[in-house]
Structures are given as C-alpha cells and as structure tokens.
Amino acid sequence: MTHSRALPMASHLPDVDKKTLRRQLRALRRSLSKTQQQKASFLIGRKLNALGRVGRNIAAYLACDGEIALPRTFIRTHTIFLPCLHPNKQFGLGFRLIGKTRLSHLQIPEPARGKPYLAWQLDMILLPLVGFDQQGHRLGMGGGFYDRALADLARRPKRPLLIGLAHDCQECPIIPQDPWDYPLDGIMTPHHTFWRRPITNKHPL
C-alpha cells in the first residue's frame, strides 16, 4: 500500500469551522488532474469489486466538483440507484433507478422517472465525501439532504451498508460533529480503507 500523495493532505490544514473546511477541501479535490481522477476511479472500482455481492440495490452518485467517479464497469454490472430530491422534505433524498436524468430545482441531475426508494430499502449506499476522518465521520456539501435521508434509518427494521468515497487528500484528523451527523460504516480512498465495524457479504455486523 502506497502512502505517497501528490497533494497536501487535509490533515495539514489548521483547525477551522465546517464552512471554511468545506471550501478548502473542495478546492483540493478540484485541483486533481484528469489522470489522477481516472486512476482514483479505477482503484475505487477495484476495491468495491473486492467486497463481493453485498446486496442487489446499490445507491451511487453522478460525480461532480472533483468527486471520485465510479467506473462504468461497476455501474453496468450492478443495480444502481441515484439520489433525487424526495417529495417529502422530511426524508431529504430518495433514490431512483438510474436512467434518463433531469435537473432538479437545485440544478443537480437526478433520475427523471420512478418511485423514489428510501435509504433503508437499499443494500448499500455509496456517498461522495467532501472530507472525512478515520472514525467514519463525514463532511458533506452542507445541504443536509443525506443527513435527513440517513436519520430515517433509526426507526427502520434494517439499514444499508454506508460507504463514503473520497480522495486521499480529503482526510482530516477530526471532522467537527453535529448531533444529527450519521457516521458511516466505512470509508474508501484510492489507497486506504477505514472500517468502523466488520462486514459480511450480506450486511454490516
């Protein structure tokens, strides 16, 4: 496992509030070259394939703003759902089967048709991260949509495996936490994987 990085790690950034940290981390990932992005996508795809079949229904995302793109081979060989704004704002996000997209009122592409699934109805959710720490805490874009979607899991009979995807340079010593923040089961970067809990091929333990 290599520990070299082409960019300074976020852990070298001073202690800052979430808003400032978010701006700095987004700038870091946008500064990655096309070659670095392609290599990151390939390595993440290889790690996800090594997990085996953790379930049938997997939520992913359409990469933007320097996020790691999932390889097309992974998309083609799995039943993929994409996030969409849920009609009930209480849930934040729903997830529809991948297909023809439209722009939401936030100007974000989302599947145009189909009934939105809730987070608990999926087997695994792959979340794009702005930042993360090794304890499984995530920093998102700040809209709270994933927070509301994951908060609903507390009252459901089952929950999906939650894995955040990020570049190595997005790691921080500590991500500031709020009461509503929901920790992830694992975080994958091109060169590292951090698990909060052991997993099986069926479900996190």
Foldseek 3Di string as FASTA:
>chain_A
DDDDDPDAALQPPDDDALVVLLVVLLVVLLPDDPVRLVLFQVLVQVVVVVLPAQDQEEEEEDDDSNWRHHDPVVVVVGFYWYWDQDPPVLQLTFTHTDDDWDQDPVRGTHDDDDDTHAQAVGAEYEAEASADELLQFGRHPPPCSVLSSVLVVVPDPGGHQYEYEDARRRYHHDDDDDPSTDGHQWYDTSVDIHGNADCHSHHTD
